């Protein structure tokens, strides 16, 4: 295991040295002098939150994904903005979660290292810790040094974020738009659905009305179909949750890909990676299904590439003291602060 982690770390540095998609260099040593305990502080808040919320790891990595696909990795998804806020964008509204845990991480870091660690870097580090510490997945040295953006962009969030009903072509388009590879990055990062939950509303059309004539998705395993109908009856509560990976729902492993091979992918967008005829993603699904180490190594590389999408560095942006608002904006109410301290 130690040898594998060393290999993963080496891969991380190799990707960073390539420059990836960033305008300026991010480095895992960025906080070594200014906030050497940054990862330990984030880990402690995360572990504490996981005791009462086993979903939190998957939720935080989703925040990082949805942040980076809109204006780059600038923590814009965390801003409270009634007009342009990304929280209210269609892919995030009543779906993206974990903001209070990020608040708690920020509060702890402001106490230990004031005005030092960006909210964008908190999302990146929390994602790695969610995979490695909470779910037993790979660990990696997270390149950091991002700064926080001043604005959110709801319009871009509505148009740029991949969706649960997307065809493979649409998914590829979304990844291409941000400079990610449309085969290996797409399949590896989709593998984050090996843990976490999804609401019934994200897949019920596959169960009852796939093409608008009361039919079911032909790529859905029939036994799994009946299981899902028990969880999400027609006309029932659309916010009921079920596991993205029915095999090992809280573990980070390659069972997500094994599930796709037997038509047990929960979301249409997931199953399309394997069930789209002639797709170049099929071979990658098969490889990751048979070789978990290959999946872990590719996932780490792809996470670093995603984290390097258009970061603000140097004197760009700012280091927010409150992840929900720019430093010139009104600070949250006392009730919000009380919520953070209770986590």
C-alpha atoms as a PDB file:
ATOM      1  CA  UNK A   1       0.000   0.000   0.000  1.00  0.00           C
ATOM      2  CA  UNK A   2       2.786   2.431   0.900  1.00  0.00           C
ATOM      3  CA  UNK A   3       4.485   1.652  -2.409  1.00  0.00           C
ATOM      4  CA  UNK A   4       1.264   2.369  -4.289  1.00  0.00           C
ATOM      5  CA  UNK A   5       0.830   5.722  -2.537  1.00  0.00           C
ATOM      6  CA  UNK A   6       4.412   6.610  -3.460  1.00  0.00           C
ATOM      7  CA  UNK A   7       3.674   5.826  -7.105  1.00  0.00           C
ATOM      8  CA  UNK A   8       0.525   7.935  -6.962  1.00  0.00           C
ATOM      9  CA  UNK A   9       2.456  10.847  -5.444  1.00  0.00           C
ATOM     10  CA  UNK A  10       5.034  10.587  -8.231  1.00  0.00           C
ATOM     11  CA  UNK A  11       2.289  10.664 -10.818  1.00  0.00           C
ATOM     12  CA  UNK A  12       0.861  13.781  -9.196  1.00  0.00           C
ATOM     13  CA  UNK A  13       4.128  15.660  -9.460  1.00  0.00           C
ATOM     14  CA  UNK A  14       4.587  14.533 -13.057  1.00  0.00           C
ATOM     15  CA  UNK A  15       1.202  15.970 -13.986  1.00  0.00           C
ATOM     16  CA  UNK A  16       1.923  19.230 -12.172  1.00  0.00           C
ATOM     17  CA  UNK A  17       5.233  19.603 -14.006  1.00  0.00           C
ATOM     18  CA  UNK A  18       3.440  19.276 -17.327  1.00  0.00           C
ATOM     19  CA  UNK A  19       1.619  22.490 -16.484  1.00  0.00           C
ATOM     20  CA  UNK A  20      -1.762  20.949 -17.302  1.00  0.00           C
ATOM     21  CA  UNK A  21      -4.456  23.592 -17.803  1.00  0.00           C
ATOM     22  CA  UNK A  22      -3.235  26.188 -15.358  1.00  0.00           C
ATOM     23  CA  UNK A  23      -1.969  29.691 -16.131  1.00  0.00           C
ATOM     24  CA  UNK A  24       0.470  29.524 -13.227  1.00  0.00           C
ATOM     25  CA  UNK A  25       2.046  26.752 -11.264  1.00  0.00           C
ATOM     26  CA  UNK A  26       0.234  25.164  -8.343  1.00  0.00           C
ATOM     27  CA  UNK A  27       2.338  23.145  -5.929  1.00  0.00           C
ATOM     28  CA  UNK A  28       1.680  20.776  -3.006  1.00  0.00           C
ATOM     29  CA  UNK A  29       4.227  22.732  -0.908  1.00  0.00           C
ATOM     30  CA  UNK A  30       2.466  26.096  -1.194  1.00  0.00           C
ATOM     31  CA  UNK A  31       1.393  26.208   2.486  1.00  0.00           C
ATOM     32  CA  UNK A  32       4.419  24.454   3.966  1.00  0.00           C
ATOM     33  CA  UNK A  33       5.630  27.639   5.672  1.00  0.00           C
ATOM     34  CA  UNK A  34       2.456  29.674   6.062  1.00  0.00           C
ATOM     35  CA  UNK A  35       0.003  26.966   7.210  1.00  0.00           C
ATOM     36  CA  UNK A  36       1.790  23.615   7.588  1.00  0.00           C
ATOM     37  CA  UNK A  37      -1.170  21.914   9.293  1.00  0.00           C
ATOM     38  CA  UNK A  38      -3.717  22.832   6.628  1.00  0.00           C
ATOM     39  CA  UNK A  39      -4.503  19.239   5.622  1.00  0.00           C
ATOM     40  CA  UNK A  40      -4.720  17.994   9.207  1.00  0.00           C
ATOM     41  CA  UNK A  41      -7.126  20.823  10.112  1.00  0.00           C
ATOM     42  CA  UNK A  42      -9.371  20.091   7.128  1.00  0.00           C
ATOM     43  CA  UNK A  43      -9.228  16.356   7.862  1.00  0.00           C
ATOM     44  CA  UNK A  44     -10.360  16.816  11.451  1.00  0.00           C
ATOM     45  CA  UNK A  45     -13.397  18.889  10.508  1.00  0.00           C
ATOM     46  CA  UNK A  46     -14.247  16.387   7.770  1.00  0.00           C
ATOM     47  CA  UNK A  47     -14.008  13.359  10.039  1.00  0.00           C
ATOM     48  CA  UNK A  48     -16.131  15.072  12.698  1.00  0.00           C
ATOM     49  CA  UNK A  49     -18.792  15.900  10.111  1.00  0.00           C
ATOM     50  CA  UNK A  50     -18.807  12.331   8.767  1.00  0.00           C
ATOM     51  CA  UNK A  51     -19.964  10.911  12.108  1.00  0.00           C
ATOM     52  CA  UNK A  52     -23.400  12.423  11.574  1.00  0.00           C
ATOM     53  CA  UNK A  53     -23.341  12.631   7.775  1.00  0.00           C
ATOM     54  CA  UNK A  54     -21.889   9.629   5.929  1.00  0.00           C
ATOM     55  CA  UNK A  55     -22.642  11.339   2.608  1.00  0.00           C
ATOM     56  CA  UNK A  56     -20.389  14.307   3.256  1.00  0.00           C
ATOM     57  CA  UNK A  57     -17.310  13.023   1.413  1.00  0.00           C
ATOM     58  CA  UNK A  58     -19.157  12.491  -1.864  1.00  0.00           C
ATOM     59  CA  UNK A  59     -20.943  15.822  -1.410  1.00  0.00           C
ATOM     60  CA  UNK A  60     -17.687  17.753  -0.993  1.00  0.00           C
ATOM     61  CA  UNK A  61     -15.997  16.223  -4.016  1.00  0.00           C
ATOM     62  CA  UNK A  62     -19.101  17.133  -6.021  1.00  0.00           C
ATOM     63  CA  UNK A  63     -18.751  20.749  -4.878  1.00  0.00           C
ATOM     64  CA  UNK A  64     -15.165  20.755  -6.157  1.00  0.00           C
ATOM     65  CA  UNK A  65     -16.282  19.301  -9.525  1.00  0.00           C
ATOM     66  CA  UNK A  66     -19.107  21.789  -9.917  1.00  0.00           C
ATOM     67  CA  UNK A  67     -16.848  24.662  -8.934  1.00  0.00           C
ATOM     68  CA  UNK A  68     -14.081  23.845 -11.426  1.00  0.00           C
ATOM     69  CA  UNK A  69     -16.459  23.407 -14.379  1.00  0.00           C
ATOM     70  CA  UNK A  70     -17.687  27.007 -13.970  1.00  0.00           C
ATOM     71  CA  UNK A  71     -15.087  29.786 -14.334  1.00  0.00           C
ATOM     72  CA  UNK A  72     -12.358  27.403 -13.193  1.00  0.00           C
ATOM     73  CA  UNK A  73     -11.474  26.358  -9.641  1.00  0.00           C
ATOM     74  CA  UNK A  74     -12.189  29.685  -7.923  1.00  0.00           C
ATOM     75  CA  UNK A  75     -14.717  28.738  -5.198  1.00  0.00           C
ATOM     76  CA  UNK A  76     -17.439  30.633  -7.059  1.00  0.00           C
ATOM     77  CA  UNK A  77     -19.933  27.898  -6.158  1.00  0.00           C
ATOM     78  CA  UNK A  78     -19.630  28.871  -2.490  1.00  0.00           C
ATOM     79  CA  UNK A  79     -20.735  32.491  -2.942  1.00  0.00           C
ATOM     80  CA  UNK A  80     -24.155  33.524  -1.648  1.00  0.00           C
ATOM     81  CA  UNK A  81     -25.537  35.701  -4.443  1.00  0.00           C
ATOM     82  CA  UNK A  82     -29.304  35.960  -4.971  1.00  0.00           C
ATOM     83  CA  UNK A  83     -28.862  37.107  -8.582  1.00  0.00           C
ATOM     84  CA  UNK A  84     -25.888  35.239 -10.014  1.00  0.00           C
ATOM     85  CA  UNK A  85     -25.223  32.563  -7.375  1.00  0.00           C
ATOM     86  CA  UNK A  86     -24.336  29.120  -8.682  1.00  0.00           C
ATOM     87  CA  UNK A  87     -26.002  27.456  -5.704  1.00  0.00           C
ATOM     88  CA  UNK A  88     -29.360  28.185  -7.317  1.00  0.00           C
ATOM     89  CA  UNK A  89     -28.349  26.955 -10.770  1.00  0.00           C
ATOM     90  CA  UNK A  90     -30.466  24.027 -11.978  1.00  0.00           C
ATOM     91  CA  UNK A  91     -27.747  21.355 -11.470  1.00  0.00           C
ATOM     92  CA  UNK A  92     -27.042  22.601  -7.919  1.00  0.00           C
ATOM     93  CA  UNK A  93     -30.340  23.824  -6.503  1.00  0.00           C
ATOM     94  CA  UNK A  94     -31.611  21.519  -3.728  1.00  0.00           C
ATOM     95  CA  UNK A  95     -28.842  19.137  -4.715  1.00  0.00           C
ATOM     96  CA  UNK A  96     -25.343  20.482  -4.023  1.00  0.00           C
ATOM     97  CA  UNK A  97     -24.613  20.362  -0.312  1.00  0.00           C
ATOM     98  CA  UNK A  98     -21.863  20.493   2.310  1.00  0.00           C
ATOM     99  CA  UNK A  99     -21.509  24.259   2.441  1.00  0.00           C
ATOM    100  CA  UNK A 100     -21.680  24.358   6.234  1.00  0.00           C
ATOM    101  CA  UNK A 101     -18.786  21.892   6.500  1.00  0.00           C
ATOM    102  CA  UNK A 102     -16.683  24.094   4.216  1.00  0.00           C
ATOM    103  CA  UNK A 103     -17.604  27.011   6.496  1.00  0.00           C
ATOM    104  CA  UNK A 104     -16.357  25.050   9.492  1.00  0.00           C
ATOM    105  CA  UNK A 105     -13.093  24.209   7.717  1.00  0.00           C
ATOM    106  CA  UNK A 106     -12.604  27.857   6.833  1.00  0.00           C
ATOM    107  CA  UNK A 107     -13.313  28.978  10.400  1.00  0.00           C
ATOM    108  CA  UNK A 108     -10.776  26.514  11.778  1.00  0.00           C
ATOM    109  CA  UNK A 109      -8.152  27.627   9.266  1.00  0.00           C
ATOM    110  CA  UNK A 110      -8.797  31.308   9.930  1.00  0.00           C
ATOM    111  CA  UNK A 111      -8.150  30.618  13.599  1.00  0.00           C
ATOM    112  CA  UNK A 112      -4.894  28.773  12.889  1.00  0.00           C
ATOM    113  CA  UNK A 113      -3.638  30.659   9.806  1.00  0.00           C
ATOM    114  CA  UNK A 114      -5.570  33.914   9.260  1.00  0.00           C
ATOM    115  CA  UNK A 115      -5.967  35.213   5.702  1.00  0.00           C
ATOM    116  CA  UNK A 116      -3.871  32.399   4.258  1.00  0.00           C
ATOM    117  CA  UNK A 117      -5.815  29.433   2.824  1.00  0.00           C
ATOM    118  CA  UNK A 118      -8.241  30.055  -0.034  1.00  0.00           C
ATOM    119  CA  UNK A 119     -11.705  28.543  -0.177  1.00  0.00           C
ATOM    120  CA  UNK A 120     -10.804  27.087  -3.581  1.00  0.00           C
ATOM    121  CA  UNK A 121      -7.894  25.195  -2.021  1.00  0.00           C
ATOM    122  CA  UNK A 122     -10.113  24.019   0.836  1.00  0.00           C
ATOM    123  CA  UNK A 123     -12.408  22.377  -1.745  1.00  0.00           C
ATOM    124  CA  UNK A 124      -9.451  20.669  -3.435  1.00  0.00           C
ATOM    125  CA  UNK A 125      -7.907  19.370  -0.204  1.00  0.00           C
ATOM    126  CA  UNK A 126     -11.281  18.325   1.226  1.00  0.00           C
ATOM    127  CA  UNK A 127     -11.943  16.308  -1.941  1.00  0.00           C
ATOM    128  CA  UNK A 128      -8.691  14.387  -1.603  1.00  0.00           C
ATOM    129  CA  UNK A 129      -9.351  13.723   2.074  1.00  0.00           C
ATOM    130  CA  UNK A 130     -12.915  12.618   1.295  1.00  0.00           C
ATOM    131  CA  UNK A 131     -11.550   9.983  -1.071  1.00  0.00           C
ATOM    132  CA  UNK A 132      -8.517   8.830   0.913  1.00  0.00           C
ATOM    133  CA  UNK A 133      -9.496   9.253   4.576  1.00  0.00           C
ATOM    134  CA  UNK A 134     -13.246   8.667   4.534  1.00  0.00           C
ATOM    135  CA  UNK A 135     -13.685   6.198   1.670  1.00  0.00           C
ATOM    136  CA  UNK A 136     -10.453   4.186   1.466  1.00  0.00           C
ATOM    137  CA  UNK A 137      -9.453   5.446  -1.971  1.00  0.00           C
ATOM    138  CA  UNK A 138      -6.089   6.717  -3.232  1.00  0.00           C
ATOM    139  CA  UNK A 139      -4.215   9.577  -1.608  1.00  0.00           C
ATOM    140  CA  UNK A 140      -2.280  12.235  -3.462  1.00  0.00           C
ATOM    141  CA  UNK A 141      -0.316  15.418  -2.890  1.00  0.00           C
ATOM    142  CA  UNK A 142      -2.822  18.157  -3.781  1.00  0.00           C
ATOM    143  CA  UNK A 143      -1.361  21.035  -5.796  1.00  0.00           C
ATOM    144  CA  UNK A 144      -2.460  24.260  -4.105  1.00  0.00           C
ATOM    145  CA  UNK A 145      -1.984  28.006  -4.402  1.00  0.00           C
ATOM    146  CA  UNK A 146      -5.380  28.941  -5.845  1.00  0.00           C
ATOM    147  CA  UNK A 147      -7.066  32.196  -4.929  1.00  0.00           C
ATOM    148  CA  UNK A 148     -10.777  32.916  -4.690  1.00  0.00           C
ATOM    149  CA  UNK A 149     -12.834  34.627  -7.375  1.00  0.00           C
ATOM    150  CA  UNK A 150     -14.994  37.690  -6.834  1.00  0.00           C
ATOM    151  CA  UNK A 151     -18.069  36.578  -8.765  1.00  0.00           C
ATOM    152  CA  UNK A 152     -20.347  33.624  -9.433  1.00  0.00           C
ATOM    153  CA  UNK A 153     -21.964  32.788 -12.777  1.00  0.00           C
ATOM    154  CA  UNK A 154     -25.340  31.077 -12.673  1.00  0.00           C
ATOM    155  CA  UNK A 155     -25.787  31.197 -16.434  1.00  0.00           C
ATOM    156  CA  UNK A 156     -22.512  29.371 -17.009  1.00  0.00           C
ATOM    157  CA  UNK A 157     -23.374  26.823 -14.312  1.00  0.00           C
ATOM    158  CA  UNK A 158     -26.643  26.070 -16.081  1.00  0.00           C
ATOM    159  CA  UNK A 159     -24.893  25.531 -19.413  1.00  0.00           C
ATOM    160  CA  UNK A 160     -21.509  24.009 -18.502  1.00  0.00           C
ATOM    161  CA  UNK A 161     -22.179  21.398 -15.830  1.00  0.00           C
ATOM    162  CA  UNK A 162     -22.622  17.762 -16.901  1.00  0.00           C
ATOM    163  CA  UNK A 163     -26.109  16.413 -16.254  1.00  0.00           C
ATOM    164  CA  UNK A 164     -27.485  13.099 -15.001  1.00  0.00           C
ATOM    165  CA  UNK A 165     -29.446  12.482 -18.229  1.00  0.00           C
ATOM    166  CA  UNK A 166     -26.694  13.551 -20.622  1.00  0.00           C
ATOM    167  CA  UNK A 167     -25.858  11.476 -23.664  1.00  0.00           C
ATOM    168  CA  UNK A 168     -22.218  10.502 -24.063  1.00  0.00           C
ATOM    169  CA  UNK A 169     -21.766  13.143 -26.755  1.00  0.00           C
ATOM    170  CA  UNK A 170     -23.121  15.809 -24.427  1.00  0.00           C
ATOM    171  CA  UNK A 171     -20.820  14.668 -21.614  1.00  0.00           C
ATOM    172  CA  UNK A 172     -17.844  14.799 -23.963  1.00  0.00           C
ATOM    173  CA  UNK A 173     -18.837  18.312 -24.993  1.00  0.00           C
ATOM    174  CA  UNK A 174     -18.966  19.451 -21.364  1.00  0.00           C
ATOM    175  CA  UNK A 175     -15.512  18.033 -20.647  1.00  0.00           C
ATOM    176  CA  UNK A 176     -14.033  19.425 -23.846  1.00  0.00           C
ATOM    177  CA  UNK A 177     -15.370  22.888 -22.993  1.00  0.00           C
ATOM    178  CA  UNK A 178     -13.120  23.054 -19.925  1.00  0.00           C
ATOM    179  CA  UNK A 179     -10.108  21.459 -21.587  1.00  0.00           C
ATOM    180  CA  UNK A 180     -10.411  17.977 -20.103  1.00  0.00           C
ATOM    181  CA  UNK A 181      -9.878  14.775 -22.051  1.00  0.00           C
ATOM    182  CA  UNK A 182     -13.143  13.326 -23.373  1.00  0.00           C
ATOM    183  CA  UNK A 183     -12.189   9.704 -22.806  1.00  0.00           C
ATOM    184  CA  UNK A 184      -9.850   8.984 -19.885  1.00  0.00           C
ATOM    185  CA  UNK A 185     -10.691  12.091 -17.819  1.00  0.00           C
ATOM    186  CA  UNK A 186     -14.402  11.595 -18.431  1.00  0.00           C
ATOM    187  CA  UNK A 187     -14.413   7.945 -17.359  1.00  0.00           C
ATOM    188  CA  UNK A 188     -12.002   8.365 -14.445  1.00  0.00           C
ATOM    189  CA  UNK A 189     -13.787  11.358 -12.943  1.00  0.00           C
ATOM    190  CA  UNK A 190     -17.190   9.722 -13.437  1.00  0.00           C
ATOM    191  CA  UNK A 191     -15.772   7.013 -11.179  1.00  0.00           C
ATOM    192  CA  UNK A 192     -16.326   9.382  -8.258  1.00  0.00           C
ATOM    193  CA  UNK A 193     -19.874   8.017  -8.389  1.00  0.00           C
ATOM    194  CA  UNK A 194     -18.494   4.933  -6.703  1.00  0.00           C
ATOM    195  CA  UNK A 195     -19.703   6.543  -3.478  1.00  0.00           C
ATOM    196  CA  UNK A 196     -22.526   8.879  -2.491  1.00  0.00           C
ATOM    197  CA  UNK A 197     -26.278   9.056  -3.065  1.00  0.00           C
ATOM    198  CA  UNK A 198     -28.672  10.380  -5.710  1.00  0.00           C
ATOM    199  CA  UNK A 199     -32.272  11.554  -5.516  1.00  0.00           C
ATOM    200  CA  UNK A 200     -35.060   9.658  -7.257  1.00  0.00           C
ATOM    201  CA  UNK A 201     -35.658  12.615  -9.555  1.00  0.00           C
ATOM    202  CA  UNK A 202     -32.287  11.995 -11.208  1.00  0.00           C
ATOM    203  CA  UNK A 203     -33.233   8.587 -12.606  1.00  0.00           C
ATOM    204  CA  UNK A 204     -37.012   7.961 -12.406  1.00  0.00           C
ATOM    205  CA  UNK A 205     -37.472   8.744 -16.085  1.00  0.00           C
ATOM    206  CA  UNK A 206     -35.431   5.590 -16.760  1.00  0.00           C
ATOM    207  CA  UNK A 207     -37.924   3.565 -14.705  1.00  0.00           C
ATOM    208  CA  UNK A 208     -41.269   4.771 -15.997  1.00  0.00           C
ATOM    209  CA  UNK A 209     -41.122   7.101 -19.009  1.00  0.00           C
ATOM    210  CA  UNK A 210     -37.792   6.865 -20.763  1.00  0.00           C
ATOM    211  CA  UNK A 211     -38.824   8.153 -24.193  1.00  0.00           C
ATOM    212  CA  UNK A 212     -42.116   9.749 -23.200  1.00  0.00           C
ATOM    213  CA  UNK A 213     -44.371   6.770 -23.955  1.00  0.00           C
ATOM    214  CA  UNK A 214     -44.340   5.014 -20.564  1.00  0.00           C
ATOM    215  CA  UNK A 215     -41.356   2.799 -21.349  1.00  0.00           C
ATOM    216  CA  UNK A 216     -38.180   1.927 -19.459  1.00  0.00           C
ATOM    217  CA  UNK A 217     -34.529   2.425 -20.330  1.00  0.00           C
ATOM    218  CA  UNK A 218     -33.469  -0.720 -22.238  1.00  0.00           C
ATOM    219  CA  UNK A 219     -29.928  -0.432 -20.847  1.00  0.00           C
ATOM    220  CA  UNK A 220     -31.203  -0.886 -17.278  1.00  0.00           C
ATOM    221  CA  UNK A 221     -30.792  -4.329 -15.697  1.00  0.00           C
ATOM    222  CA  UNK A 222     -34.312  -5.696 -15.163  1.00  0.00           C
ATOM    223  CA  UNK A 223     -33.669  -6.894 -11.614  1.00  0.00           C
ATOM    224  CA  UNK A 224     -32.124  -3.547 -10.727  1.00  0.00           C
ATOM    225  CA  UNK A 225     -35.115  -1.838 -12.357  1.00  0.00           C
ATOM    226  CA  UNK A 226     -37.496  -3.552  -9.943  1.00  0.00           C
ATOM    227  CA  UNK A 227     -35.255  -2.715  -6.980  1.00  0.00           C
ATOM    228  CA  UNK A 228     -35.262   0.945  -7.959  1.00  0.00           C
ATOM    229  CA  UNK A 229     -39.038   0.969  -8.457  1.00  0.00           C
ATOM    230  CA  UNK A 230     -39.423  -0.185  -4.860  1.00  0.00           C
ATOM    231  CA  UNK A 231     -37.271   2.726  -3.690  1.00  0.00           C
ATOM    232  CA  UNK A 232     -38.833   5.277  -6.060  1.00  0.00           C
ATOM    233  CA  UNK A 233     -42.464   4.368  -6.817  1.00  0.00           C
ATOM    234  CA  UNK A 234     -44.140   6.245  -9.648  1.00  0.00           C
ATOM    235  CA  UNK A 235     -45.505   9.533  -8.342  1.00  0.00           C
ATOM    236  CA  UNK A 236     -43.626   9.136  -5.065  1.00  0.00           C
ATOM    237  CA  UNK A 237     -41.264  11.448  -3.208  1.00  0.00           C
ATOM    238  CA  UNK A 238     -38.674  12.570  -5.770  1.00  0.00           C
ATOM    239  CA  UNK A 239     -36.140  13.565  -3.116  1.00  0.00           C
ATOM    240  CA  UNK A 240     -35.726  10.037  -1.677  1.00  0.00           C
ATOM    241  CA  UNK A 241     -32.086   8.950  -1.826  1.00  0.00           C
ATOM    242  CA  UNK A 242     -30.483   5.767  -3.043  1.00  0.00           C
ATOM    243  CA  UNK A 243     -26.891   4.610  -3.444  1.00  0.00           C
ATOM    244  CA  UNK A 244     -25.005   5.529  -6.604  1.00  0.00           C
ATOM    245  CA  UNK A 245     -23.056   2.298  -6.170  1.00  0.00           C
ATOM    246  CA  UNK A 246     -25.374  -0.440  -4.828  1.00  0.00           C
ATOM    247  CA  UNK A 247     -22.418  -2.752  -4.212  1.00  0.00           C
ATOM    248  CA  UNK A 248     -20.149  -0.719  -1.904  1.00  0.00           C
ATOM    249  CA  UNK A 249     -21.995   2.583  -1.429  1.00  0.00           C
ATOM    250  CA  UNK A 250     -19.545   4.285   0.944  1.00  0.00           C
ATOM    251  CA  UNK A 251     -16.272   2.840  -0.320  1.00  0.00           C
ATOM    252  CA  UNK A 252     -14.076   4.285  -3.043  1.00  0.00           C
ATOM    253  CA  UNK A 253     -13.294   1.340  -5.325  1.00  0.00           C
ATOM    254  CA  UNK A 254     -13.794   0.097  -8.885  1.00  0.00           C
ATOM    255  CA  UNK A 255     -17.209  -1.495  -8.340  1.00  0.00           C
ATOM    256  CA  UNK A 256     -18.781   1.464 -10.129  1.00  0.00           C
ATOM    257  CA  UNK A 257     -17.307   0.117 -13.373  1.00  0.00           C
ATOM    258  CA  UNK A 258     -18.298  -3.483 -12.645  1.00  0.00           C
ATOM    259  CA  UNK A 259     -21.843  -2.221 -12.146  1.00  0.00           C
ATOM    260  CA  UNK A 260     -21.830  -0.547 -15.576  1.00  0.00           C
ATOM    261  CA  UNK A 261     -20.818  -3.836 -17.201  1.00  0.00           C
ATOM    262  CA  UNK A 262     -23.994  -5.510 -15.912  1.00  0.00           C
ATOM    263  CA  UNK A 263     -26.265  -2.514 -16.615  1.00  0.00           C
ATOM    264  CA  UNK A 264     -26.504  -1.416 -12.996  1.00  0.00           C
ATOM    265  CA  UNK A 265     -25.386   2.168 -13.468  1.00  0.00           C
ATOM    266  CA  UNK A 266     -27.864   4.356 -11.565  1.00  0.00           C
ATOM    267  CA  UNK A 267     -27.718   7.471 -13.713  1.00  0.00           C
ATOM    268  CA  UNK A 268     -28.235   7.458 -17.454  1.00  0.00           C
ATOM    269  CA  UNK A 269     -25.050   9.530 -17.857  1.00  0.00           C
ATOM    270  CA  UNK A 270     -23.082   6.808 -16.047  1.00  0.00           C
ATOM    271  CA  UNK A 271     -24.490   3.865 -17.994  1.00  0.00           C
ATOM    272  CA  UNK A 272     -23.896   5.704 -21.270  1.00  0.00           C
ATOM    273  CA  UNK A 273     -20.141   5.348 -20.727  1.00  0.00           C
ATOM    274  CA  UNK A 274     -20.528   1.613 -21.326  1.00  0.00           C
ATOM    275  CA  UNK A 275     -23.761   1.202 -23.273  1.00  0.00           C
ATOM    276  CA  UNK A 276     -23.168   3.688 -26.104  1.00  0.00           C
ATOM    277  CA  UNK A 277     -22.402   1.566 -29.151  1.00  0.00           C
ATOM    278  CA  UNK A 278     -18.865   1.971 -30.482  1.00  0.00           C
ATOM    279  CA  UNK A 279     -17.820   4.416 -27.764  1.00  0.00           C
ATOM    280  CA  UNK A 280     -14.144   4.795 -26.925  1.00  0.00           C
ATOM    281  CA  UNK A 281     -15.105   4.840 -23.244  1.00  0.00           C
ATOM    282  CA  UNK A 282     -16.121   1.151 -23.226  1.00  0.00           C
ATOM    283  CA  UNK A 283     -12.550  -0.115 -23.229  1.00  0.00           C
ATOM    284  CA  UNK A 284     -11.652   2.210 -20.355  1.00  0.00           C
ATOM    285  CA  UNK A 285     -14.618   0.993 -18.286  1.00  0.00           C
ATOM    286  CA  UNK A 286     -13.495  -2.586 -18.893  1.00  0.00           C
ATOM    287  CA  UNK A 287      -9.911  -1.793 -17.937  1.00  0.00           C
ATOM    288  CA  UNK A 288     -10.881  -0.029 -14.717  1.00  0.00           C
ATOM    289  CA  UNK A 289     -13.297  -2.828 -13.830  1.00  0.00           C
ATOM    290  CA  UNK A 290     -10.532  -5.421 -14.029  1.00  0.00           C
ATOM    291  CA  UNK A 291      -7.750  -3.260 -12.552  1.00  0.00           C
ATOM    292  CA  UNK A 292      -8.539  -1.056  -9.559  1.00  0.00           C
ATOM    293  CA  UNK A 293      -4.964   0.267  -9.423  1.00  0.00           C
ATOM    294  CA  UNK A 294      -5.307   1.548 -12.997  1.00  0.00           C
ATOM    295  CA  UNK A 295      -8.504   3.350 -12.003  1.00  0.00           C
ATOM    296  CA  UNK A 296      -6.919   4.894  -8.915  1.00  0.00           C
ATOM    297  CA  UNK A 297      -3.885   6.123 -10.842  1.00  0.00           C
ATOM    298  CA  UNK A 298      -6.005   7.636 -13.619  1.00  0.00           C
ATOM    299  CA  UNK A 299      -8.417   9.170 -11.127  1.00  0.00           C
ATOM    300  CA  UNK A 300      -5.579  10.961  -9.341  1.00  0.00           C
ATOM    301  CA  UNK A 301      -4.155  12.307 -12.593  1.00  0.00           C
ATOM    302  CA  UNK A 302      -7.577  13.473 -13.757  1.00  0.00           C
ATOM    303  CA  UNK A 303      -8.381  15.108 -10.415  1.00  0.00           C
ATOM    304  CA  UNK A 304      -5.170  17.114 -10.648  1.00  0.00           C
ATOM    305  CA  UNK A 305      -5.935  18.126 -14.229  1.00  0.00           C
ATOM    306  CA  UNK A 306      -9.435  19.195 -13.205  1.00  0.00           C
ATOM    307  CA  UNK A 307      -8.063  21.131 -10.226  1.00  0.00           C
ATOM    308  CA  UNK A 308      -5.813  23.025 -12.638  1.00  0.00           C
ATOM    309  CA  UNK A 309      -8.670  24.470 -14.684  1.00  0.00           C
ATOM    310  CA  UNK A 310      -8.078  28.241 -14.845  1.00  0.00           C
ATOM    311  CA  UNK A 311      -6.969  28.834 -11.246  1.00  0.00           C
ATOM    312  CA  UNK A 312      -6.502  32.358  -9.974  1.00  0.00           C
ATOM    313  CA  UNK A 313      -2.958  32.704  -8.655  1.00  0.00           C
ATOM    314  CA  UNK A 314      -0.449  35.335  -7.548  1.00  0.00           C
ATOM    315  CA  UNK A 315      -2.270  38.639  -7.132  1.00  0.00           C
ATOM    316  CA  UNK A 316      -5.439  37.525  -8.932  1.00  0.00           C
ATOM    317  CA  UNK A 317      -8.626  37.206  -6.912  1.00  0.00           C
ATOM    318  CA  UNK A 318      -8.411  37.206  -3.112  1.00  0.00           C
ATOM    319  CA  UNK A 319      -8.243  34.997  -0.050  1.00  0.00           C
ATOM    320  CA  UNK A 320     -11.790  35.208   1.304  1.00  0.00           C
ATOM    321  CA  UNK A 321     -12.203  35.350   5.045  1.00  0.00           C
ATOM    322  CA  UNK A 322     -15.727  33.976   4.558  1.00  0.00           C
ATOM    323  CA  UNK A 323     -16.281  31.474   1.758  1.00  0.00           C
ATOM    324  CA  UNK A 324     -19.838  32.692   1.200  1.00  0.00           C
ATOM    325  CA  UNK A 325     -18.909  36.298   0.403  1.00  0.00           C
ATOM    326  CA  UNK A 326     -16.119  38.426  -0.994  1.00  0.00           C
ATOM    327  CA  UNK A 327     -14.090  40.342   1.559  1.00  0.00           C
ATOM    328  CA  UNK A 328     -15.869  43.596   0.737  1.00  0.00           C
ATOM    329  CA  UNK A 329     -19.333  42.051   1.131  1.00  0.00           C
ATOM    330  CA  UNK A 330     -21.514  41.973   4.218  1.00  0.00           C
ATOM    331  CA  UNK A 331     -20.486  39.248   6.655  1.00  0.00           C
ATOM    332  CA  UNK A 332     -23.037  36.557   7.402  1.00  0.00           C
ATOM    333  CA  UNK A 333     -25.517  36.851  10.211  1.00  0.00           C
ATOM    334  CA  UNK A 334     -24.785  35.616  13.714  1.00  0.00           C
ATOM    335  CA  UNK A 335     -27.120  32.680  13.111  1.00  0.00           C
ATOM    336  CA  UNK A 336     -24.904  31.476  10.249  1.00  0.00           C
ATOM    337  CA  UNK A 337     -21.827  31.801  12.428  1.00  0.00           C
ATOM    338  CA  UNK A 338     -23.530  29.773  15.152  1.00  0.00           C
ATOM    339  CA  UNK A 339     -24.284  27.034  12.636  1.00  0.00           C
ATOM    340  CA  UNK A 340     -20.616  26.824  11.659  1.00  0.00           C
ATOM    341  CA  UNK A 341     -19.459  26.562  15.269  1.00  0.00           C
ATOM    342  CA  UNK A 342     -21.900  23.715  15.938  1.00  0.00           C
ATOM    343  CA  UNK A 343     -20.397  21.381  13.302  1.00  0.00           C
END
